[in-house]
C-alpha atoms as a PDB file:
ATOM      1  CA  MET A   1      -0.065  -0.099  -0.175  1.00  0.00           C
ATOM      2  CA  ARG A   2       0.800   3.678  -0.218  1.00  0.00           C
ATOM      3  CA  PRO A   3       3.138   4.995   2.654  1.00  0.00           C
ATOM      4  CA  VAL A   4       1.493   6.761   5.446  1.00  0.00           C
ATOM      5  CA  ARG A   5       5.199   7.656   6.894  1.00  0.00           C
ATOM      6  CA  THR A   6       7.915   9.741   5.037  1.00  0.00           C
ATOM      7  CA  LEU A   7      10.891   7.401   4.203  1.00  0.00           C
ATOM      8  CA  ALA A   8      12.641   9.270   6.736  1.00  0.00           C
ATOM      9  CA  GLU A   9      10.227   8.484   9.415  1.00  0.00           C
ATOM     10  CA  ALA A  10      10.420   4.872   8.733  1.00  0.00           C
ATOM     11  CA  LEU A  11      14.157   4.922   8.678  1.00  0.00           C
ATOM     12  CA  GLY A  12      14.044   6.215  12.123  1.00  0.00           C
ATOM     13  CA  ALA A  13      11.998   3.189  13.392  1.00  0.00           C
ATOM     14  CA  GLU A  14      13.330   0.192  11.424  1.00  0.00           C
ATOM     15  CA  VAL A  15      15.514  -1.082   8.753  1.00  0.00           C
ATOM     16  CA  LEU A  16      13.662  -1.347   5.359  1.00  0.00           C
ATOM     17  CA  VAL A  17      14.378  -4.150   2.879  1.00  0.00           C
ATOM     18  CA  LEU A  18      14.983  -2.966  -0.637  1.00  0.00           C
ATOM     19  CA  ASP A  19      14.234  -4.963  -3.634  1.00  0.00           C
ATOM     20  CA  GLY A  20      16.896  -6.854  -5.739  1.00  0.00           C
ATOM     21  CA  GLY A  21      18.098  -6.522  -9.437  1.00  0.00           C
ATOM     22  CA  LEU A  22      15.253  -5.460 -11.817  1.00  0.00           C
ATOM     23  CA  SER A  23      16.946  -6.835 -14.916  1.00  0.00           C
ATOM     24  CA  ASN A  24      17.694 -10.203 -13.816  1.00  0.00           C
ATOM     25  CA  GLN A  25      14.123 -10.764 -12.662  1.00  0.00           C
ATOM     26  CA  LEU A  26      13.074  -9.371 -15.923  1.00  0.00           C
ATOM     27  CA  GLU A  27      15.275 -11.966 -17.896  1.00  0.00           C
ATOM     28  CA  ALA A  28      13.710 -14.518 -16.041  1.00  0.00           C
ATOM     29  CA  GLN A  29      10.337 -13.406 -17.169  1.00  0.00           C
ATOM     30  CA  GLY A  30      11.968 -13.805 -20.652  1.00  0.00           C
ATOM     31  CA  CYS A  31      12.431 -10.324 -21.701  1.00  0.00           C
ATOM     32  CA  ASP A  32      15.102  -9.380 -24.126  1.00  0.00           C
ATOM     33  CA  LEU A  33      17.454  -7.000 -22.595  1.00  0.00           C
ATOM     34  CA  SER A  34      20.014  -6.505 -25.282  1.00  0.00           C
ATOM     35  CA  ASP A  35      18.915  -2.841 -26.485  1.00  0.00           C
ATOM     36  CA  ALA A  36      21.143  -0.145 -25.031  1.00  0.00           C
ATOM     37  CA  LEU A  37      18.568   1.269 -22.971  1.00  0.00           C
ATOM     38  CA  TRP A  38      18.513  -2.123 -20.855  1.00  0.00           C
ATOM     39  CA  SER A  39      15.269  -2.690 -18.817  1.00  0.00           C
ATOM     40  CA  ALA A  40      14.274   1.205 -19.653  1.00  0.00           C
ATOM     41  CA  ARG A  41      13.186  -0.116 -23.107  1.00  0.00           C
ATOM     42  CA  LEU A  42      10.361  -2.127 -21.355  1.00  0.00           C
ATOM     43  CA  LEU A  43       8.833   1.309 -20.446  1.00  0.00           C
ATOM     44  CA  ALA A  44       7.675   1.782 -23.731  1.00  0.00           C
ATOM     45  CA  ASP A  45       7.447  -1.816 -25.194  1.00  0.00           C
ATOM     46  CA  GLY A  46       6.338  -3.905 -22.172  1.00  0.00           C
ATOM     47  CA  PRO A  47       5.354  -1.966 -19.132  1.00  0.00           C
ATOM     48  CA  GLU A  48       3.429  -4.956 -17.725  1.00  0.00           C
ATOM     49  CA  GLN A  49       6.727  -6.795 -17.300  1.00  0.00           C
ATOM     50  CA  ILE A  50       8.219  -4.260 -15.121  1.00  0.00           C
ATOM     51  CA  GLU A  51       5.160  -4.089 -13.016  1.00  0.00           C
ATOM     52  CA  ALA A  52       5.495  -7.868 -12.477  1.00  0.00           C
ATOM     53  CA  ALA A  53       9.227  -7.603 -11.723  1.00  0.00           C
ATOM     54  CA  HIS A  54       8.105  -5.243  -9.003  1.00  0.00           C
ATOM     55  CA  THR A  55       5.385  -7.110  -7.774  1.00  0.00           C
ATOM     56  CA  ALA A  56       7.526 -10.274  -7.349  1.00  0.00           C
ATOM     57  CA  TYR A  57      10.069  -8.541  -5.243  1.00  0.00           C
ATOM     58  CA  VAL A  58       7.186  -7.106  -3.074  1.00  0.00           C
ATOM     59  CA  ARG A  59       5.560 -10.446  -2.586  1.00  0.00           C
ATOM     60  CA  ALA A  60       9.224 -11.393  -1.487  1.00  0.00           C
ATOM     61  CA  GLY A  61       9.090  -8.742   1.155  1.00  0.00           C
ATOM     62  CA  ALA A  62      10.830  -5.881  -0.403  1.00  0.00           C
ATOM     63  CA  ARG A  63       9.505  -2.533   1.066  1.00  0.00           C
ATOM     64  CA  VAL A  64      11.135  -0.161  -1.043  1.00  0.00           C
ATOM     65  CA  LEU A  65      11.078  -0.650  -4.859  1.00  0.00           C
ATOM     66  CA  ILE A  66      13.611   1.097  -6.866  1.00  0.00           C
ATOM     67  CA  THR A  67      12.070   2.164 -10.359  1.00  0.00           C
ATOM     68  CA  SER A  68      13.474   0.906 -13.770  1.00  0.00           C
ATOM     69  CA  SER A  69      14.879   4.416 -14.713  1.00  0.00           C
ATOM     70  CA  TYR A  70      18.336   3.737 -13.902  1.00  0.00           C
ATOM     71  CA  GLN A  71      19.310   3.834 -17.754  1.00  0.00           C
ATOM     72  CA  ALA A  72      16.412   5.919 -18.924  1.00  0.00           C
ATOM     73  CA  THR A  73      17.666   9.349 -20.084  1.00  0.00           C
ATOM     74  CA  PHE A  74      16.257  11.829 -22.550  1.00  0.00           C
ATOM     75  CA  GLU A  75      19.567  11.342 -24.614  1.00  0.00           C
ATOM     76  CA  GLY A  76      18.984   7.500 -24.672  1.00  0.00           C
ATOM     77  CA  PHE A  77      15.401   7.691 -25.610  1.00  0.00           C
ATOM     78  CA  ALA A  78      16.084  10.473 -28.434  1.00  0.00           C
ATOM     79  CA  ARG A  79      18.368   7.792 -30.062  1.00  0.00           C
ATOM     80  CA  ARG A  80      15.701   5.548 -30.527  1.00  0.00           C
ATOM     81  CA  GLY A  81      13.362   8.551 -31.853  1.00  0.00           C
ATOM     82  CA  THR A  82      11.670   9.330 -28.814  1.00  0.00           C
ATOM     83  CA  GLY A  83      10.640  12.923 -28.450  1.00  0.00           C
ATOM     84  CA  ARG A  84      11.371  14.533 -24.899  1.00  0.00           C
ATOM     85  CA  GLU A  85       7.477  15.090 -24.135  1.00  0.00           C
ATOM     86  CA  GLU A  86       7.032  11.061 -24.692  1.00  0.00           C
ATOM     87  CA  ALA A  87      10.382  10.600 -22.872  1.00  0.00           C
ATOM     88  CA  ALA A  88       9.104  12.514 -19.833  1.00  0.00           C
ATOM     89  CA  ARG A  89       5.889  10.668 -19.801  1.00  0.00           C
ATOM     90  CA  LEU A  90       7.902   7.202 -19.668  1.00  0.00           C
ATOM     91  CA  LEU A  91      10.131   8.167 -16.697  1.00  0.00           C
ATOM     92  CA  ALA A  92       6.805   9.230 -14.910  1.00  0.00           C
ATOM     93  CA  ARG A  93       5.503   5.576 -15.893  1.00  0.00           C
ATOM     94  CA  SER A  94       8.563   4.234 -14.019  1.00  0.00           C
ATOM     95  CA  VAL A  95       7.365   5.594 -10.875  1.00  0.00           C
ATOM     96  CA  GLU A  96       3.750   4.924 -11.706  1.00  0.00           C
ATOM     97  CA  LEU A  97       4.404   1.224 -12.248  1.00  0.00           C
ATOM     98  CA  ALA A  98       6.515   0.699  -8.785  1.00  0.00           C
ATOM     99  CA  ARG A  99       3.510   2.360  -7.117  1.00  0.00           C
ATOM    100  CA  THR A 100       0.972   0.131  -8.570  1.00  0.00           C
ATOM    101  CA  ALA A 101       2.944  -3.081  -7.550  1.00  0.00           C
ATOM    102  CA  GLY A 102       3.353  -1.615  -4.138  1.00  0.00           C
ATOM    103  CA  GLU A 103      -0.388  -2.070  -3.696  1.00  0.00           C
ATOM    104  CA  ALA A 104      -0.126  -5.633  -4.000  1.00  0.00           C
ATOM    105  CA  VAL A 105       0.563  -5.887  -0.192  1.00  0.00           C
ATOM    106  CA  ARG A 106      -1.043  -4.370   3.115  1.00  0.00           C
ATOM    107  CA  GLU A 107       2.307  -2.961   4.666  1.00  0.00           C
ATOM    108  CA  GLU A 108       3.698   0.327   3.371  1.00  0.00           C
ATOM    109  CA  VAL A 109       5.782   0.405   0.218  1.00  0.00           C
ATOM    110  CA  TRP A 110       7.939   3.041  -0.687  1.00  0.00           C
ATOM    111  CA  VAL A 111       9.386   3.981  -4.362  1.00  0.00           C
ATOM    112  CA  ALA A 112      12.612   5.244  -4.964  1.00  0.00           C
ATOM    113  CA  ALA A 113      13.088   6.906  -8.562  1.00  0.00           C
ATOM    114  CA  SER A 114      16.438   5.725  -9.902  1.00  0.00           C
ATOM    115  CA  VAL A 115      18.760   8.136 -11.434  1.00  0.00           C
ATOM    116  CA  GLY A 116      21.826   6.130 -12.514  1.00  0.00           C
ATOM    117  CA  PRO A 117      25.053   8.137 -13.404  1.00  0.00           C
ATOM    118  CA  TYR A 118      25.916   9.780 -16.676  1.00  0.00           C
ATOM    119  CA  GLY A 119      27.928   6.357 -17.533  1.00  0.00           C
ATOM    120  CA  ALA A 120      24.973   4.153 -17.622  1.00  0.00           C
ATOM    121  CA  MET A 121      23.607   6.541 -20.754  1.00  0.00           C
ATOM    122  CA  LEU A 122      26.402   5.585 -22.260  1.00  0.00           C
ATOM    123  CA  ALA A 123      25.983   1.894 -22.146  1.00  0.00           C
ATOM    124  CA  ASP A 124      29.791   0.858 -22.070  1.00  0.00           C
ATOM    125  CA  GLY A 125      30.393   0.105 -18.412  1.00  0.00           C
ATOM    126  CA  SER A 126      31.590   3.776 -17.896  1.00  0.00           C
ATOM    127  CA  GLU A 127      29.601   3.635 -14.601  1.00  0.00           C
ATOM    128  CA  TYR A 128      32.342   1.343 -13.159  1.00  0.00           C
ATOM    129  CA  ARG A 129      35.357   3.928 -14.095  1.00  0.00           C
ATOM    130  CA  GLY A 130      33.797   7.202 -13.591  1.00  0.00           C
ATOM    131  CA  ARG A 131      36.080  10.276 -14.710  1.00  0.00           C
ATOM    132  CA  TYR A 132      34.243  10.717 -18.085  1.00  0.00           C
ATOM    133  CA  GLY A 133      36.114  14.080 -18.789  1.00  0.00           C
ATOM    134  CA  LEU A 134      33.126  16.336 -18.096  1.00  0.00           C
ATOM    135  CA  SER A 135      33.111  18.878 -15.261  1.00  0.00           C
ATOM    136  CA  VAL A 136      30.784  19.039 -12.405  1.00  0.00           C
ATOM    137  CA  GLY A 137      28.693  21.617 -14.208  1.00  0.00           C
ATOM    138  CA  ALA A 138      28.219  19.604 -17.265  1.00  0.00           C
ATOM    139  CA  LEU A 139      27.102  16.601 -15.243  1.00  0.00           C
ATOM    140  CA  GLU A 140      24.418  18.850 -13.292  1.00  0.00           C
ATOM    141  CA  ARG A 141      23.083  19.913 -16.434  1.00  0.00           C
ATOM    142  CA  PHE A 142      22.897  16.645 -17.544  1.00  0.00           C
ATOM    143  CA  HIS A 143      21.186  15.186 -14.719  1.00  0.00           C
ATOM    144  CA  ARG A 144      18.759  17.976 -13.706  1.00  0.00           C
ATOM    145  CA  PRO A 145      16.236  17.437 -16.631  1.00  0.00           C
ATOM    146  CA  ARG A 146      15.718  13.593 -15.492  1.00  0.00           C
ATOM    147  CA  ILE A 147      15.486  14.496 -11.975  1.00  0.00           C
ATOM    148  CA  GLU A 148      12.843  17.050 -12.562  1.00  0.00           C
ATOM    149  CA  ALA A 149      10.787  14.839 -14.672  1.00  0.00           C
ATOM    150  CA  LEU A 150      11.029  11.990 -12.140  1.00  0.00           C
ATOM    151  CA  ALA A 151      10.469  14.347  -9.319  1.00  0.00           C
ATOM    152  CA  GLY A 152       7.250  15.432 -11.079  1.00  0.00           C
ATOM    153  CA  ALA A 153       5.901  11.802 -10.466  1.00  0.00           C
ATOM    154  CA  ALA A 154       6.234  11.832  -6.811  1.00  0.00           C
ATOM    155  CA  PRO A 155       8.273   9.084  -5.711  1.00  0.00           C
ATOM    156  CA  ASP A 156       9.266   8.818  -2.099  1.00  0.00           C
ATOM    157  CA  VAL A 157      12.601   9.269  -2.667  1.00  0.00           C
ATOM    158  CA  LEU A 158      15.304   9.769  -5.413  1.00  0.00           C
ATOM    159  CA  ALA A 159      18.115   7.035  -5.346  1.00  0.00           C
ATOM    160  CA  LEU A 160      20.984   8.820  -6.846  1.00  0.00           C
ATOM    161  CA  GLU A 161      22.884   5.416  -7.485  1.00  0.00           C
ATOM    162  CA  THR A 162      25.641   3.704  -8.863  1.00  0.00           C
ATOM    163  CA  VAL A 163      27.789   6.675  -8.546  1.00  0.00           C
ATOM    164  CA  PRO A 164      31.495   6.012  -9.358  1.00  0.00           C
ATOM    165  CA  ASP A 165      33.177   9.221  -8.260  1.00  0.00           C
ATOM    166  CA  ALA A 166      32.761  11.895  -5.782  1.00  0.00           C
ATOM    167  CA  GLU A 167      32.494  14.687  -8.583  1.00  0.00           C
ATOM    168  CA  GLU A 168      29.454  13.095 -10.029  1.00  0.00           C
ATOM    169  CA  ALA A 169      27.753  12.707  -6.540  1.00  0.00           C
ATOM    170  CA  GLU A 170      28.395  16.693  -6.178  1.00  0.00           C
ATOM    171  CA  ALA A 171      26.769  17.205  -9.353  1.00  0.00           C
ATOM    172  CA  LEU A 172      23.768  14.770  -8.640  1.00  0.00           C
ATOM    173  CA  LEU A 173      23.208  16.475  -5.463  1.00  0.00           C
ATOM    174  CA  ARG A 174      23.325  20.267  -6.995  1.00  0.00           C
ATOM    175  CA  ALA A 175      21.021  18.970  -9.684  1.00  0.00           C
ATOM    176  CA  ALA A 176      18.495  17.385  -6.915  1.00  0.00           C
ATOM    177  CA  GLU A 177      18.325  20.766  -5.063  1.00  0.00           C
ATOM    178  CA  GLY A 178      14.805  22.487  -4.739  1.00  0.00           C
ATOM    179  CA  CYS A 179      13.324  19.525  -6.490  1.00  0.00           C
ATOM    180  CA  GLY A 180      11.106  18.835  -3.322  1.00  0.00           C
ATOM    181  CA  VAL A 181      11.990  15.114  -3.004  1.00  0.00           C
ATOM    182  CA  PRO A 182      14.452  13.579  -0.558  1.00  0.00           C
ATOM    183  CA  VAL A 183      17.399  11.634  -1.799  1.00  0.00           C
ATOM    184  CA  TRP A 184      19.801   8.725  -0.922  1.00  0.00           C
ATOM    185  CA  LEU A 185      23.429   8.652  -2.306  1.00  0.00           C
ATOM    186  CA  SER A 186      24.979   5.387  -3.238  1.00  0.00           C
ATOM    187  CA  TYR A 187      28.483   4.934  -4.546  1.00  0.00           C
ATOM    188  CA  THR A 188      29.752   1.700  -6.613  1.00  0.00           C
ATOM    189  CA  VAL A 189      33.132   0.944  -4.801  1.00  0.00           C
ATOM    190  CA  GLU A 190      36.001  -1.343  -5.008  1.00  0.00           C
ATOM    191  CA  GLY A 191      38.483  -2.179  -2.508  1.00  0.00           C
ATOM    192  CA  GLY A 192      37.578   0.371  -0.262  1.00  0.00           C
ATOM    193  CA  ARG A 193      37.480   3.251  -2.701  1.00  0.00           C
ATOM    194  CA  THR A 194      35.267   4.721  -5.153  1.00  0.00           C
ATOM    195  CA  ARG A 195      35.532   2.987  -8.566  1.00  0.00           C
ATOM    196  CA  ALA A 196      37.101   6.430 -10.007  1.00  0.00           C
ATOM    197  CA  GLY A 197      40.113   5.421  -7.229  1.00  0.00           C
ATOM    198  CA  GLN A 198      38.955   8.152  -4.505  1.00  0.00           C
ATOM    199  CA  ASP A 199      39.017   8.017  -0.857  1.00  0.00           C
ATOM    200  CA  LEU A 200      35.830   6.781   0.208  1.00  0.00           C
ATOM    201  CA  ALA A 201      35.428   8.730   3.193  1.00  0.00           C
ATOM    202  CA  GLU A 202      35.988  12.064   1.487  1.00  0.00           C
ATOM    203  CA  ALA A 203      33.671  10.720  -1.130  1.00  0.00           C
ATOM    204  CA  PHE A 204      30.632  10.066   1.573  1.00  0.00           C
ATOM    205  CA  ALA A 205      31.593  13.724   3.274  1.00  0.00           C
ATOM    206  CA  VAL A 206      30.007  15.163  -0.039  1.00  0.00           C
ATOM    207  CA  ALA A 207      26.572  14.338   1.531  1.00  0.00           C
ATOM    208  CA  ALA A 208      27.244  15.311   5.130  1.00  0.00           C
ATOM    209  CA  GLY A 209      25.225  18.258   6.382  1.00  0.00           C
ATOM    210  CA  ASN A 210      22.846  17.924   3.330  1.00  0.00           C
ATOM    211  CA  GLU A 211      19.336  17.825   4.941  1.00  0.00           C
ATOM    212  CA  GLN A 212      17.916  16.422   1.646  1.00  0.00           C
ATOM    213  CA  VAL A 213      19.989  13.050   1.777  1.00  0.00           C
ATOM    214  CA  VAL A 214      18.175  10.591   3.907  1.00  0.00           C
ATOM    215  CA  ALA A 215      20.722   7.785   3.319  1.00  0.00           C
ATOM    216  CA  VAL A 216      24.501   7.341   2.084  1.00  0.00           C
ATOM    217  CA  GLY A 217      25.989   3.937   1.171  1.00  0.00           C
ATOM    218  CA  VAL A 218      26.895   1.775  -1.568  1.00  0.00           C
ATOM    219  CA  ASN A 219      25.435  -0.368  -4.137  1.00  0.00           C
ATOM    220  CA  CYS A 220      26.461  -2.529  -7.114  1.00  0.00           C
ATOM    221  CA  CYS A 221      29.656  -3.812  -5.429  1.00  0.00           C
ATOM    222  CA  ASP A 222      31.204  -6.927  -3.988  1.00  0.00           C
ATOM    223  CA  PRO A 223      29.066  -7.881  -0.828  1.00  0.00           C
ATOM    224  CA  ALA A 224      31.928  -8.841   0.903  1.00  0.00           C
ATOM    225  CA  GLY A 225      33.515  -5.575   1.423  1.00  0.00           C
ATOM    226  CA  ALA A 226      29.656  -3.906   1.893  1.00  0.00           C
ATOM    227  CA  GLY A 227      30.102  -3.749   5.838  1.00  0.00           C
ATOM    228  CA  ASP A 228      33.105  -1.570   5.929  1.00  0.00           C
ATOM    229  CA  ALA A 229      31.525   0.501   3.859  1.00  0.00           C
ATOM    230  CA  VAL A 230      28.280   0.928   5.753  1.00  0.00           C
ATOM    231  CA  GLU A 231      30.321   1.429   8.686  1.00  0.00           C
ATOM    232  CA  LEU A 232      32.557   4.312   7.184  1.00  0.00           C
ATOM    233  CA  ALA A 233      29.181   6.048   5.540  1.00  0.00           C
ATOM    234  CA  VAL A 234      27.614   6.224   9.060  1.00  0.00           C
ATOM    235  CA  ALA A 235      30.770   7.368  10.872  1.00  0.00           C
ATOM    236  CA  VAL A 236      31.456  10.301   8.293  1.00  0.00           C
ATOM    237  CA  THR A 237      27.983  11.304   7.809  1.00  0.00           C
ATOM    238  CA  GLY A 238      26.021  10.551  10.863  1.00  0.00           C
ATOM    239  CA  LYS A 239      23.157   9.296   8.311  1.00  0.00           C
ATOM    240  CA  PRO A 240      21.478   6.049   8.131  1.00  0.00           C
ATOM    241  CA  ALA A 241      23.097   3.887   5.530  1.00  0.00           C
ATOM    242  CA  VAL A 242      22.045   2.407   2.476  1.00  0.00           C
ATOM    243  CA  VAL A 243      23.434  -0.959   1.014  1.00  0.00           C
ATOM    244  CA  TYR A 244      22.562  -2.991  -1.726  1.00  0.00           C
ATOM    245  CA  PRO A 245      25.696  -5.179  -3.131  1.00  0.00           C
ATOM    246  CA  ASN A 246      25.416  -6.990  -6.420  1.00  0.00           C
ATOM    247  CA  SER A 247      25.839 -10.828  -6.658  1.00  0.00           C
ATOM    248  CA  GLY A 248      29.732 -10.635  -6.414  1.00  0.00           C
ATOM    249  CA  GLU A 249      29.991 -11.410  -9.922  1.00  0.00           C
ATOM    250  CA  ARG A 250      31.871  -8.685 -12.252  1.00  0.00           C
ATOM    251  CA  TRP A 251      30.306  -6.999 -15.335  1.00  0.00           C
ATOM    252  CA  ASP A 252      31.924  -7.479 -18.775  1.00  0.00           C
ATOM    253  CA  ALA A 253      31.088  -4.430 -20.864  1.00  0.00           C
ATOM    254  CA  GLY A 254      32.586  -5.636 -24.010  1.00  0.00           C
ATOM    255  CA  ALA A 255      30.529  -9.331 -23.852  1.00  0.00           C
ATOM    256  CA  ARG A 256      27.475  -7.578 -22.183  1.00  0.00           C
ATOM    257  CA  GLY A 257      27.629 -10.457 -19.418  1.00  0.00           C
ATOM    258  CA  TRP A 258      28.500 -11.245 -16.036  1.00  0.00           C
ATOM    259  CA  ARG A 259      31.855 -13.053 -15.111  1.00  0.00           C
ATOM    260  CA  GLY A 260      32.474 -15.098 -11.701  1.00  0.00           C
ATOM    261  CA  ASP A 261      30.639 -16.935  -8.988  1.00  0.00           C
ATOM    262  CA  MET A 262      27.479 -15.752  -6.959  1.00  0.00           C
ATOM    263  CA  ALA A 263      28.897 -14.623  -3.287  1.00  0.00           C
ATOM    264  CA  PHE A 264      25.647 -12.790  -2.156  1.00  0.00           C
ATOM    265  CA  ASP A 265      24.692 -14.040   1.275  1.00  0.00           C
ATOM    266  CA  PRO A 266      21.553 -12.866   2.414  1.00  0.00           C
ATOM    267  CA  ALA A 267      22.593 -13.557   6.011  1.00  0.00           C
ATOM    268  CA  TRP A 268      24.920 -10.422   5.937  1.00  0.00           C
ATOM    269  CA  ALA A 269      21.913  -8.375   6.184  1.00  0.00           C
ATOM    270  CA  LEU A 270      22.064  -8.549   9.732  1.00  0.00           C
ATOM    271  CA  ASP A 271      25.560  -7.506  10.156  1.00  0.00           C
ATOM    272  CA  TRP A 272      24.925  -4.604   7.705  1.00  0.00           C
ATOM    273  CA  ALA A 273      22.028  -3.521   9.786  1.00  0.00           C
ATOM    274  CA  GLY A 274      24.118  -4.069  12.864  1.00  0.00           C
ATOM    275  CA  ALA A 275      26.598  -1.551  11.371  1.00  0.00           C
ATOM    276  CA  GLY A 276      23.899   1.228  10.870  1.00  0.00           C
ATOM    277  CA  ALA A 277      22.094   0.365   7.530  1.00  0.00           C
ATOM    278  CA  ARG A 278      18.521   1.195   7.534  1.00  0.00           C
ATOM    279  CA  LEU A 279      18.144   0.231   3.877  1.00  0.00           C
ATOM    280  CA  VAL A 280      19.322  -3.452   2.913  1.00  0.00           C
ATOM    281  CA  GLY A 281      18.683  -5.193  -0.397  1.00  0.00           C
ATOM    282  CA  GLY A 282      20.740  -6.492  -3.414  1.00  0.00           C
ATOM    283  CA  CYS A 283      21.381  -5.089  -6.718  1.00  0.00           C
ATOM    284  CA  CYS A 284      22.341  -6.892 -10.121  1.00  0.00           C
ATOM    285  CA  ARG A 285      21.899 -10.971 -10.315  1.00  0.00           C
ATOM    286  CA  VAL A 286      20.300 -10.719  -6.720  1.00  0.00           C
ATOM    287  CA  GLY A 287      16.716 -12.085  -7.217  1.00  0.00           C
ATOM    288  CA  PRO A 288      13.446 -12.588  -5.242  1.00  0.00           C
ATOM    289  CA  ALA A 289      14.561 -15.635  -3.416  1.00  0.00           C
ATOM    290  CA  SER A 290      17.544 -14.053  -2.146  1.00  0.00           C
ATOM    291  CA  ILE A 291      15.688 -10.762  -1.089  1.00  0.00           C
ATOM    292  CA  GLY A 292      12.958 -13.276   0.510  1.00  0.00           C
ATOM    293  CA  ALA A 293      15.822 -14.850   2.644  1.00  0.00           C
ATOM    294  CA  LEU A 294      17.152 -11.675   3.653  1.00  0.00           C
ATOM    295  CA  ALA A 295      13.679 -10.200   4.667  1.00  0.00           C
ATOM    296  CA  ASP A 296      12.990 -13.525   6.702  1.00  0.00           C
ATOM    297  CA  GLY A 297      16.090 -13.179   8.418  1.00  0.00           C
ATOM    298  CA  LEU A 298      15.673  -9.542   9.492  1.00  0.00           C
ATOM    299  CA  ALA A 299      11.925 -10.251  10.422  1.00  0.00           C
ATOM    300  CA  ALA A 300      13.225 -13.148  12.651  1.00  0.00           C
ATOM    301  CA  GLU A 301      16.048 -10.930  14.156  1.00  0.00           C
ATOM    302  CA  ARG A 302      13.144  -8.543  15.578  1.00  0.00           C
ATOM    303  CA  GLY A 303      10.790 -11.143  16.090  1.00  0.00           C
ATOM    304  CA  GLY A 304       8.100 -10.321  13.496  1.00  0.00           C
ATOM    305  CA  GLY A 305       7.043 -11.629  10.184  1.00  0.00           C
ATOM    306  CA  THR A 306       7.465  -9.906   6.645  1.00  0.00           C
ATOM    307  CA  GLY A 307       3.831 -10.131   5.723  1.00  0.00           C
END
């Protein structure tokens, strides 16, 4: 159901379960995601598939749904011949589909509108490198129109996610100023640093003191190092942490496929929560079964059910 509390209020009271990877669930449903727009293509060609994927996570126990707008940009849609007005409508649709899926259960379900990094629009793995050669101002100008379109659809929060470096984080936070929607900031990291190689404490500090930011943390990273990042995010910013690592496999941009072994263990959610995470879930290749196990583990720890 639609939430009766703000996300910030809920985070002050409990740990909320995020969903998992949208693309892997869509693939499990038989969808072809070979297009450069990835799952965002289905906003136009198969919105019912996106709603079904969101519903699978809600029924597994997720209480925060991240929209299918990660790779959806005005520039990306334009390459497919979609005008700005229609693109804005499709961005809004991403929020509406998640909102509808949230009505499948009696518990509150919050919608996080995904705002992916500039590199996601390039569809070449650049979000795992950062440092695109653009200024903070240029990145802010790129992000602002999409943020405004998503904010206009009234999500509960904007997920500024998979951010590879602190400069883009600064640009995203500037672009979100005045949009009227709270945000969370989530870096993709490796070896205790941003993907661009920056000191992670300094990267988290970009969000310190920003009242619009309700949580700070990491996503789409190796789950083994996520706990340390959670502790650091809380220590640096004093804010609740958000954590949703991927399966532990690595994305091969050239082959457009995942390599390596599954390492995500839902039991780690208890450690992450103990370190200060209030939003806990999974990213790429983490499906409803893992989110269900994660939700069950957190519910057992607090002595309740997932609903």
